[in-house]
C-alpha atoms as a PDB file:
ATOM      1  CA  UNK A   1     -70.867 -61.530  -0.708  1.00  0.00           C
ATOM      2  CA  UNK A   2     -68.165 -61.421  -3.364  1.00  0.00           C
ATOM      3  CA  UNK A   3     -67.653 -57.795  -2.744  1.00  0.00           C
ATOM      4  CA  UNK A   4     -67.065 -58.397   0.966  1.00  0.00           C
ATOM      5  CA  UNK A   5     -64.565 -61.108   0.283  1.00  0.00           C
ATOM      6  CA  UNK A   6     -62.567 -58.801  -2.070  1.00  0.00           C
ATOM      7  CA  UNK A   7     -62.604 -56.084   0.547  1.00  0.00           C
ATOM      8  CA  UNK A   8     -61.284 -58.300   3.333  1.00  0.00           C
ATOM      9  CA  UNK A   9     -58.506 -59.692   0.890  1.00  0.00           C
ATOM     10  CA  UNK A  10     -57.373 -56.097   0.107  1.00  0.00           C
ATOM     11  CA  UNK A  11     -57.262 -55.246   3.716  1.00  0.00           C
ATOM     12  CA  UNK A  12     -55.100 -58.307   4.479  1.00  0.00           C
ATOM     13  CA  UNK A  13     -52.695 -57.283   1.772  1.00  0.00           C
ATOM     14  CA  UNK A  14     -52.161 -53.747   2.964  1.00  0.00           C
ATOM     15  CA  UNK A  15     -48.487 -52.414   3.249  1.00  0.00           C
ATOM     16  CA  UNK A  16     -46.401 -51.798   6.409  1.00  0.00           C
ATOM     17  CA  UNK A  17     -47.536 -49.074   8.701  1.00  0.00           C
ATOM     18  CA  UNK A  18     -45.403 -46.054   9.305  1.00  0.00           C
ATOM     19  CA  UNK A  19     -44.382 -47.256  12.760  1.00  0.00           C
ATOM     20  CA  UNK A  20     -43.415 -50.733  11.394  1.00  0.00           C
ATOM     21  CA  UNK A  21     -41.385 -49.008   8.581  1.00  0.00           C
ATOM     22  CA  UNK A  22     -39.472 -46.894  11.149  1.00  0.00           C
ATOM     23  CA  UNK A  23     -38.761 -49.797  13.336  1.00  0.00           C
ATOM     24  CA  UNK A  24     -37.362 -51.822  10.391  1.00  0.00           C
ATOM     25  CA  UNK A  25     -35.245 -48.845   9.353  1.00  0.00           C
ATOM     26  CA  UNK A  26     -33.963 -48.428  12.769  1.00  0.00           C
ATOM     27  CA  UNK A  27     -33.079 -52.074  13.110  1.00  0.00           C
ATOM     28  CA  UNK A  28     -31.441 -52.105   9.632  1.00  0.00           C
ATOM     29  CA  UNK A  29     -29.429 -49.075  10.561  1.00  0.00           C
ATOM     30  CA  UNK A  30     -28.315 -50.714  13.853  1.00  0.00           C
ATOM     31  CA  UNK A  31     -27.171 -53.851  11.958  1.00  0.00           C
ATOM     32  CA  UNK A  32     -25.393 -51.788   9.258  1.00  0.00           C
ATOM     33  CA  UNK A  33     -23.701 -49.687  11.884  1.00  0.00           C
ATOM     34  CA  UNK A  34     -22.499 -52.733  13.767  1.00  0.00           C
ATOM     35  CA  UNK A  35     -21.190 -54.161  10.583  1.00  0.00           C
ATOM     36  CA  UNK A  36     -19.312 -50.950   9.684  1.00  0.00           C
ATOM     37  CA  UNK A  37     -17.691 -50.727  13.133  1.00  0.00           C
ATOM     38  CA  UNK A  38     -16.686 -54.395  12.967  1.00  0.00           C
ATOM     39  CA  UNK A  39     -15.320 -53.967   9.461  1.00  0.00           C
ATOM     40  CA  UNK A  40     -13.461 -50.816  10.525  1.00  0.00           C
ATOM     41  CA  UNK A  41     -11.941 -52.588  13.553  1.00  0.00           C
ATOM     42  CA  UNK A  42     -10.908 -55.548  11.446  1.00  0.00           C
ATOM     43  CA  UNK A  43      -9.323 -53.261   8.788  1.00  0.00           C
ATOM     44  CA  UNK A  44      -7.452 -51.415  11.596  1.00  0.00           C
ATOM     45  CA  UNK A  45      -6.326 -54.709  13.039  1.00  0.00           C
ATOM     46  CA  UNK A  46      -5.073 -55.913   9.742  1.00  0.00           C
ATOM     47  CA  UNK A  47      -3.340 -52.653   9.048  1.00  0.00           C
ATOM     48  CA  UNK A  48      -1.687 -52.680  12.573  1.00  0.00           C
ATOM     49  CA  UNK A  49      -0.491 -56.259  12.027  1.00  0.00           C
ATOM     50  CA  UNK A  50       0.920 -55.381   8.517  1.00  0.00           C
ATOM     51  CA  UNK A  51       2.539 -52.223   9.833  1.00  0.00           C
ATOM     52  CA  UNK A  52       3.944 -54.201  12.774  1.00  0.00           C
ATOM     53  CA  UNK A  53       5.415 -56.817  10.594  1.00  0.00           C
ATOM     54  CA  UNK A  54       7.078 -54.140   8.433  1.00  0.00           C
ATOM     55  CA  UNK A  55       8.540 -52.353  11.340  1.00  0.00           C
ATOM     56  CA  UNK A  56       9.568 -55.667  12.968  1.00  0.00           C
ATOM     57  CA  UNK A  57      11.561 -56.598   9.797  1.00  0.00           C
ATOM     58  CA  UNK A  58      13.151 -53.092   9.697  1.00  0.00           C
ATOM     59  CA  UNK A  59      14.138 -53.431  13.427  1.00  0.00           C
ATOM     60  CA  UNK A  60      15.621 -56.978  12.867  1.00  0.00           C
ATOM     61  CA  UNK A  61      17.599 -55.649   9.925  1.00  0.00           C
ATOM     62  CA  UNK A  62      18.747 -52.604  11.845  1.00  0.00           C
ATOM     63  CA  UNK A  63      19.943 -54.808  14.627  1.00  0.00           C
ATOM     64  CA  UNK A  64      21.753 -57.153  12.319  1.00  0.00           C
ATOM     65  CA  UNK A  65      23.545 -54.302  10.534  1.00  0.00           C
ATOM     66  CA  UNK A  66      24.608 -52.710  13.867  1.00  0.00           C
ATOM     67  CA  UNK A  67      25.924 -56.094  15.053  1.00  0.00           C
ATOM     68  CA  UNK A  68      27.738 -56.702  11.792  1.00  0.00           C
ATOM     69  CA  UNK A  69      29.185 -53.212  11.644  1.00  0.00           C
ATOM     70  CA  UNK A  70      30.365 -53.117  15.311  1.00  0.00           C
ATOM     71  CA  UNK A  71      32.072 -56.528  15.102  1.00  0.00           C
ATOM     72  CA  UNK A  72      34.310 -54.967  12.443  1.00  0.00           C
ATOM     73  CA  UNK A  73      35.477 -52.134  14.787  1.00  0.00           C
ATOM     74  CA  UNK A  74      39.219 -51.909  14.652  1.00  0.00           C
ATOM     75  CA  UNK A  75      39.806 -54.706  12.139  1.00  0.00           C
ATOM     76  CA  UNK A  76      43.354 -54.413  10.791  1.00  0.00           C
ATOM     77  CA  UNK A  77      44.317 -51.667  13.222  1.00  0.00           C
ATOM     78  CA  UNK A  78      45.874 -51.500  16.726  1.00  0.00           C
ATOM     79  CA  UNK A  79      43.224 -50.905  19.446  1.00  0.00           C
ATOM     80  CA  UNK A  80      44.760 -47.369  20.043  1.00  0.00           C
ATOM     81  CA  UNK A  81      43.744 -46.404  16.642  1.00  0.00           C
ATOM     82  CA  UNK A  82      40.341 -48.145  16.284  1.00  0.00           C
ATOM     83  CA  UNK A  83      37.694 -46.030  17.927  1.00  0.00           C
ATOM     84  CA  UNK A  84      37.725 -42.272  17.590  1.00  0.00           C
ATOM     85  CA  UNK A  85      34.625 -41.394  19.602  1.00  0.00           C
ATOM     86  CA  UNK A  86      31.931 -43.307  21.586  1.00  0.00           C
ATOM     87  CA  UNK A  87      28.823 -41.705  22.944  1.00  0.00           C
ATOM     88  CA  UNK A  88      25.413 -43.045  24.262  1.00  0.00           C
ATOM     89  CA  UNK A  89      23.949 -42.853  20.661  1.00  0.00           C
ATOM     90  CA  UNK A  90      26.958 -42.665  18.291  1.00  0.00           C
ATOM     91  CA  UNK A  91      30.288 -44.201  17.543  1.00  0.00           C
ATOM     92  CA  UNK A  92      33.040 -43.418  15.083  1.00  0.00           C
ATOM     93  CA  UNK A  93      35.848 -46.006  14.204  1.00  0.00           C
ATOM     94  CA  UNK A  94      38.272 -47.145  11.709  1.00  0.00           C
ATOM     95  CA  UNK A  95      38.149 -50.582  10.111  1.00  0.00           C
ATOM     96  CA  UNK A  96      39.842 -52.557   7.178  1.00  0.00           C
ATOM     97  CA  UNK A  97      36.432 -53.183   5.780  1.00  0.00           C
ATOM     98  CA  UNK A  98      37.806 -53.883   2.271  1.00  0.00           C
ATOM     99  CA  UNK A  99      40.263 -56.432   3.708  1.00  0.00           C
ATOM    100  CA  UNK A 100      43.164 -54.958   1.862  1.00  0.00           C
ATOM    101  CA  UNK A 101      46.592 -55.922   3.320  1.00  0.00           C
ATOM    102  CA  UNK A 102      50.203 -56.436   2.379  1.00  0.00           C
ATOM    103  CA  UNK A 103      53.631 -56.644   3.976  1.00  0.00           C
ATOM    104  CA  UNK A 104      57.040 -54.973   3.572  1.00  0.00           C
ATOM    105  CA  UNK A 105      59.873 -57.080   2.191  1.00  0.00           C
ATOM    106  CA  UNK A 106      62.585 -55.019   3.976  1.00  0.00           C
ATOM    107  CA  UNK A 107      63.282 -52.468   6.711  1.00  0.00           C
ATOM    108  CA  UNK A 108      61.629 -49.062   6.352  1.00  0.00           C
ATOM    109  CA  UNK A 109      63.657 -46.128   7.654  1.00  0.00           C
ATOM    110  CA  UNK A 110      62.258 -43.258   9.691  1.00  0.00           C
ATOM    111  CA  UNK A 111      61.622 -40.304   7.394  1.00  0.00           C
ATOM    112  CA  UNK A 112      60.934 -42.406   4.329  1.00  0.00           C
ATOM    113  CA  UNK A 113      58.108 -41.053   2.198  1.00  0.00           C
ATOM    114  CA  UNK A 114      57.864 -44.117  -0.038  1.00  0.00           C
ATOM    115  CA  UNK A 115      57.584 -47.692   0.867  1.00  0.00           C
ATOM    116  CA  UNK A 116      57.990 -50.886  -1.122  1.00  0.00           C
ATOM    117  CA  UNK A 117      55.489 -53.614  -0.466  1.00  0.00           C
ATOM    118  CA  UNK A 118      55.169 -57.229  -1.543  1.00  0.00           C
ATOM    119  CA  UNK A 119      51.815 -56.737  -3.239  1.00  0.00           C
ATOM    120  CA  UNK A 120      50.060 -53.406  -3.924  1.00  0.00           C
ATOM    121  CA  UNK A 121      46.901 -54.855  -5.212  1.00  0.00           C
ATOM    122  CA  UNK A 122      43.921 -52.868  -3.837  1.00  0.00           C
ATOM    123  CA  UNK A 123      46.010 -49.900  -2.778  1.00  0.00           C
ATOM    124  CA  UNK A 124      45.089 -46.732  -4.722  1.00  0.00           C
ATOM    125  CA  UNK A 125      45.906 -43.097  -4.504  1.00  0.00           C
ATOM    126  CA  UNK A 126      43.702 -41.387  -1.847  1.00  0.00           C
ATOM    127  CA  UNK A 127      43.288 -44.465   0.244  1.00  0.00           C
ATOM    128  CA  UNK A 128      43.905 -44.443   3.919  1.00  0.00           C
ATOM    129  CA  UNK A 129      46.410 -46.890   5.343  1.00  0.00           C
ATOM    130  CA  UNK A 130      47.989 -47.961   8.600  1.00  0.00           C
ATOM    131  CA  UNK A 131      51.591 -49.066   8.854  1.00  0.00           C
ATOM    132  CA  UNK A 132      52.335 -51.179  11.835  1.00  0.00           C
ATOM    133  CA  UNK A 133      54.997 -53.390  13.460  1.00  0.00           C
ATOM    134  CA  UNK A 134      53.038 -56.609  14.381  1.00  0.00           C
ATOM    135  CA  UNK A 135      55.690 -57.814  16.850  1.00  0.00           C
ATOM    136  CA  UNK A 136      56.312 -54.756  19.022  1.00  0.00           C
ATOM    137  CA  UNK A 137      54.665 -54.097  22.281  1.00  0.00           C
ATOM    138  CA  UNK A 138      52.944 -51.662  22.402  1.00  0.00           C
ATOM    139  CA  UNK A 139      52.424 -51.826  18.554  1.00  0.00           C
ATOM    140  CA  UNK A 140      54.252 -49.170  16.659  1.00  0.00           C
ATOM    141  CA  UNK A 141      51.964 -47.631  13.926  1.00  0.00           C
ATOM    142  CA  UNK A 142      51.234 -44.659  11.765  1.00  0.00           C
ATOM    143  CA  UNK A 143      48.163 -43.663   9.826  1.00  0.00           C
ATOM    144  CA  UNK A 144      48.877 -42.270   6.346  1.00  0.00           C
ATOM    145  CA  UNK A 145      47.156 -41.519   3.121  1.00  0.00           C
ATOM    146  CA  UNK A 146      48.501 -42.852  -0.237  1.00  0.00           C
ATOM    147  CA  UNK A 147      49.578 -40.144  -2.622  1.00  0.00           C
ATOM    148  CA  UNK A 148      50.426 -42.476  -5.555  1.00  0.00           C
ATOM    149  CA  UNK A 149      51.128 -46.113  -6.366  1.00  0.00           C
ATOM    150  CA  UNK A 150      53.553 -47.356  -9.088  1.00  0.00           C
ATOM    151  CA  UNK A 151      53.869 -51.085  -9.215  1.00  0.00           C
ATOM    152  CA  UNK A 152      54.611 -52.209  -5.640  1.00  0.00           C
ATOM    153  CA  UNK A 153      56.002 -48.734  -4.630  1.00  0.00           C
ATOM    154  CA  UNK A 154      53.623 -46.729  -2.513  1.00  0.00           C
ATOM    155  CA  UNK A 155      54.173 -42.984  -2.019  1.00  0.00           C
ATOM    156  CA  UNK A 156      52.821 -41.516   1.149  1.00  0.00           C
ATOM    157  CA  UNK A 157      51.270 -38.090   1.766  1.00  0.00           C
ATOM    158  CA  UNK A 158      53.985 -37.376   4.436  1.00  0.00           C
ATOM    159  CA  UNK A 159      57.207 -38.887   5.724  1.00  0.00           C
ATOM    160  CA  UNK A 160      57.204 -41.640   8.351  1.00  0.00           C
ATOM    161  CA  UNK A 161      57.975 -40.686  11.922  1.00  0.00           C
ATOM    162  CA  UNK A 162      59.146 -44.175  12.866  1.00  0.00           C
ATOM    163  CA  UNK A 163      61.325 -46.912  11.515  1.00  0.00           C
ATOM    164  CA  UNK A 164      59.920 -50.394  10.805  1.00  0.00           C
ATOM    165  CA  UNK A 165      62.183 -53.485  10.683  1.00  0.00           C
ATOM    166  CA  UNK A 166      61.567 -56.707   8.798  1.00  0.00           C
ATOM    167  CA  UNK A 167      62.175 -58.829  11.873  1.00  0.00           C
ATOM    168  CA  UNK A 168      59.047 -57.166  13.562  1.00  0.00           C
ATOM    169  CA  UNK A 169      56.890 -57.944  10.536  1.00  0.00           C
ATOM    170  CA  UNK A 170      55.704 -54.670   8.923  1.00  0.00           C
ATOM    171  CA  UNK A 171      52.150 -54.852   7.923  1.00  0.00           C
ATOM    172  CA  UNK A 172      50.317 -52.281   5.722  1.00  0.00           C
ATOM    173  CA  UNK A 173      46.507 -52.292   5.880  1.00  0.00           C
ATOM    174  CA  UNK A 174      43.897 -50.170   4.138  1.00  0.00           C
ATOM    175  CA  UNK A 175      41.146 -48.782   6.304  1.00  0.00           C
ATOM    176  CA  UNK A 176      37.994 -46.720   6.191  1.00  0.00           C
ATOM    177  CA  UNK A 177      36.403 -44.321   8.646  1.00  0.00           C
ATOM    178  CA  UNK A 178      33.055 -45.405   9.795  1.00  0.00           C
ATOM    179  CA  UNK A 179      30.466 -43.409  11.767  1.00  0.00           C
ATOM    180  CA  UNK A 180      27.057 -44.508  13.176  1.00  0.00           C
ATOM    181  CA  UNK A 181      25.008 -41.605  14.480  1.00  0.00           C
ATOM    182  CA  UNK A 182      21.398 -41.223  15.759  1.00  0.00           C
ATOM    183  CA  UNK A 183      19.315 -38.228  14.771  1.00  0.00           C
ATOM    184  CA  UNK A 184      16.570 -37.964  17.375  1.00  0.00           C
ATOM    185  CA  UNK A 185      14.789 -35.031  15.679  1.00  0.00           C
ATOM    186  CA  UNK A 186      14.363 -36.828  12.331  1.00  0.00           C
ATOM    187  CA  UNK A 187      14.174 -40.380  13.980  1.00  0.00           C
ATOM    188  CA  UNK A 188      16.953 -41.928  11.887  1.00  0.00           C
ATOM    189  CA  UNK A 189      20.205 -43.744  12.137  1.00  0.00           C
ATOM    190  CA  UNK A 190      22.966 -42.709   9.643  1.00  0.00           C
ATOM    191  CA  UNK A 191      25.857 -45.048   8.854  1.00  0.00           C
ATOM    192  CA  UNK A 192      28.570 -43.296   6.857  1.00  0.00           C
ATOM    193  CA  UNK A 193      31.734 -44.728   5.396  1.00  0.00           C
ATOM    194  CA  UNK A 194      34.314 -42.142   4.472  1.00  0.00           C
ATOM    195  CA  UNK A 195      31.552 -39.565   4.565  1.00  0.00           C
ATOM    196  CA  UNK A 196      29.059 -41.372   2.390  1.00  0.00           C
ATOM    197  CA  UNK A 197      25.926 -42.207   4.406  1.00  0.00           C
ATOM    198  CA  UNK A 198      22.978 -44.612   4.434  1.00  0.00           C
ATOM    199  CA  UNK A 199      19.964 -44.037   6.675  1.00  0.00           C
ATOM    200  CA  UNK A 200      17.607 -46.197   8.625  1.00  0.00           C
ATOM    201  CA  UNK A 201      14.313 -44.416   9.240  1.00  0.00           C
ATOM    202  CA  UNK A 202      11.619 -44.634  11.891  1.00  0.00           C
ATOM    203  CA  UNK A 203      14.087 -45.054  14.785  1.00  0.00           C
ATOM    204  CA  UNK A 204      12.692 -43.699  18.022  1.00  0.00           C
ATOM    205  CA  UNK A 205      15.661 -44.437  20.327  1.00  0.00           C
ATOM    206  CA  UNK A 206      19.291 -45.674  19.991  1.00  0.00           C
ATOM    207  CA  UNK A 207      21.381 -46.290  23.033  1.00  0.00           C
ATOM    208  CA  UNK A 208      24.955 -47.625  23.317  1.00  0.00           C
ATOM    209  CA  UNK A 209      26.507 -48.953  26.577  1.00  0.00           C
ATOM    210  CA  UNK A 210      30.244 -49.680  26.728  1.00  0.00           C
ATOM    211  CA  UNK A 211      32.163 -52.157  28.787  1.00  0.00           C
ATOM    212  CA  UNK A 212      35.885 -53.073  29.278  1.00  0.00           C
ATOM    213  CA  UNK A 213      37.676 -56.370  29.305  1.00  0.00           C
ATOM    214  CA  UNK A 214      36.642 -56.998  32.900  1.00  0.00           C
ATOM    215  CA  UNK A 215      33.002 -56.286  32.169  1.00  0.00           C
ATOM    216  CA  UNK A 216      33.115 -52.823  33.943  1.00  0.00           C
ATOM    217  CA  UNK A 217      30.980 -50.148  32.506  1.00  0.00           C
ATOM    218  CA  UNK A 218      32.578 -47.195  30.802  1.00  0.00           C
ATOM    219  CA  UNK A 219      30.758 -43.977  31.046  1.00  0.00           C
ATOM    220  CA  UNK A 220      29.520 -42.292  27.880  1.00  0.00           C
ATOM    221  CA  UNK A 221      30.891 -40.330  26.314  1.00  0.00           C
ATOM    222  CA  UNK A 222      33.860 -42.443  26.702  1.00  0.00           C
ATOM    223  CA  UNK A 223      37.066 -40.532  27.431  1.00  0.00           C
ATOM    224  CA  UNK A 224      39.934 -40.696  24.877  1.00  0.00           C
ATOM    225  CA  UNK A 225      42.043 -42.608  27.434  1.00  0.00           C
ATOM    226  CA  UNK A 226      39.292 -45.370  27.726  1.00  0.00           C
ATOM    227  CA  UNK A 227      38.514 -45.642  23.951  1.00  0.00           C
ATOM    228  CA  UNK A 228      41.098 -48.382  23.459  1.00  0.00           C
ATOM    229  CA  UNK A 229      39.682 -50.286  26.432  1.00  0.00           C
ATOM    230  CA  UNK A 230      36.262 -50.795  24.929  1.00  0.00           C
ATOM    231  CA  UNK A 231      35.698 -54.588  24.529  1.00  0.00           C
ATOM    232  CA  UNK A 232      31.845 -54.866  24.383  1.00  0.00           C
ATOM    233  CA  UNK A 233      28.949 -52.656  23.299  1.00  0.00           C
ATOM    234  CA  UNK A 234      25.281 -53.271  24.201  1.00  0.00           C
ATOM    235  CA  UNK A 235      22.820 -51.944  21.765  1.00  0.00           C
ATOM    236  CA  UNK A 236      19.188 -51.003  22.542  1.00  0.00           C
ATOM    237  CA  UNK A 237      17.029 -49.496  19.862  1.00  0.00           C
ATOM    238  CA  UNK A 238      13.263 -48.782  19.291  1.00  0.00           C
ATOM    239  CA  UNK A 239      11.553 -48.395  15.995  1.00  0.00           C
ATOM    240  CA  UNK A 240       8.106 -47.008  15.481  1.00  0.00           C
ATOM    241  CA  UNK A 241       6.032 -46.364  12.334  1.00  0.00           C
ATOM    242  CA  UNK A 242       5.657 -42.581  12.024  1.00  0.00           C
ATOM    243  CA  UNK A 243       2.050 -43.072  10.682  1.00  0.00           C
ATOM    244  CA  UNK A 244       1.042 -45.688  13.240  1.00  0.00           C
ATOM    245  CA  UNK A 245       2.249 -45.514  16.743  1.00  0.00           C
ATOM    246  CA  UNK A 246       0.879 -48.878  17.633  1.00  0.00           C
ATOM    247  CA  UNK A 247       3.399 -50.380  15.210  1.00  0.00           C
ATOM    248  CA  UNK A 248       6.469 -50.198  17.615  1.00  0.00           C
ATOM    249  CA  UNK A 249       9.183 -52.743  18.375  1.00  0.00           C
ATOM    250  CA  UNK A 250      12.026 -52.510  20.880  1.00  0.00           C
ATOM    251  CA  UNK A 251      15.224 -54.622  20.738  1.00  0.00           C
ATOM    252  CA  UNK A 252      17.147 -54.441  24.055  1.00  0.00           C
ATOM    253  CA  UNK A 253      20.688 -55.359  25.105  1.00  0.00           C
ATOM    254  CA  UNK A 254      22.018 -56.897  21.865  1.00  0.00           C
ATOM    255  CA  UNK A 255      25.635 -57.654  22.990  1.00  0.00           C
ATOM    256  CA  UNK A 256      28.559 -57.157  20.529  1.00  0.00           C
ATOM    257  CA  UNK A 257      31.992 -58.328  21.487  1.00  0.00           C
ATOM    258  CA  UNK A 258      34.611 -56.278  19.738  1.00  0.00           C
ATOM    259  CA  UNK A 259      36.947 -59.244  18.757  1.00  0.00           C
ATOM    260  CA  UNK A 260      39.434 -56.940  16.930  1.00  0.00           C
ATOM    261  CA  UNK A 261      40.218 -54.724  20.023  1.00  0.00           C
ATOM    262  CA  UNK A 262      42.635 -57.129  21.565  1.00  0.00           C
ATOM    263  CA  UNK A 263      45.544 -56.006  19.417  1.00  0.00           C
END
């Protein structure tokens, strides 16, 4: 009797059968697989969101930089000397970005290679300047490079072709040459000032559209005759993470009015 009870107890405590073990393993593998897939999807989602946030910030910064730069087109120069080229994805212009300016205290004769100014602070050898008569129409102007500065006497790289009278208010402004170009092969925008460039990476597209004072479109590349007539630029750009194509942001039709092009 005791032996029979022990035998039944041992039978009741037997382990899982092979079939039960295989079923348990299959269920466990299925649950683990579902968990791994879910984890991978969540990880991808988080990465896409992070990459998207980064590229969004870069795009916002790029748009702000473009707007800030283009608003300075032609600052301190007559419209005729402001923009030197304008295509669908590049623009080159001059601007008094350093805000260096002075006036002449007396008439300046044609053929003069030196000019006396009221204040030569900020003017140094090698700097580009524009000399203009503010009260003439059209504005009389010349672009020169400073050869030397001694006190308030500025020596030019070449003699002036025009005369400038005190009554017409002669202004001398410094200026820099700025170029914004798009490299589609390397997906970057380069902004160079006097030949020194800074890049914005991960740019898929950059498009400029140009308009005159009346709001009429100017075909790009804009002709030399129409460059002084540009009054507004529309910017469209797309940025995309080179390692994550789903992280893409497009900024369309940012309008920039060229407030300095009315001179």
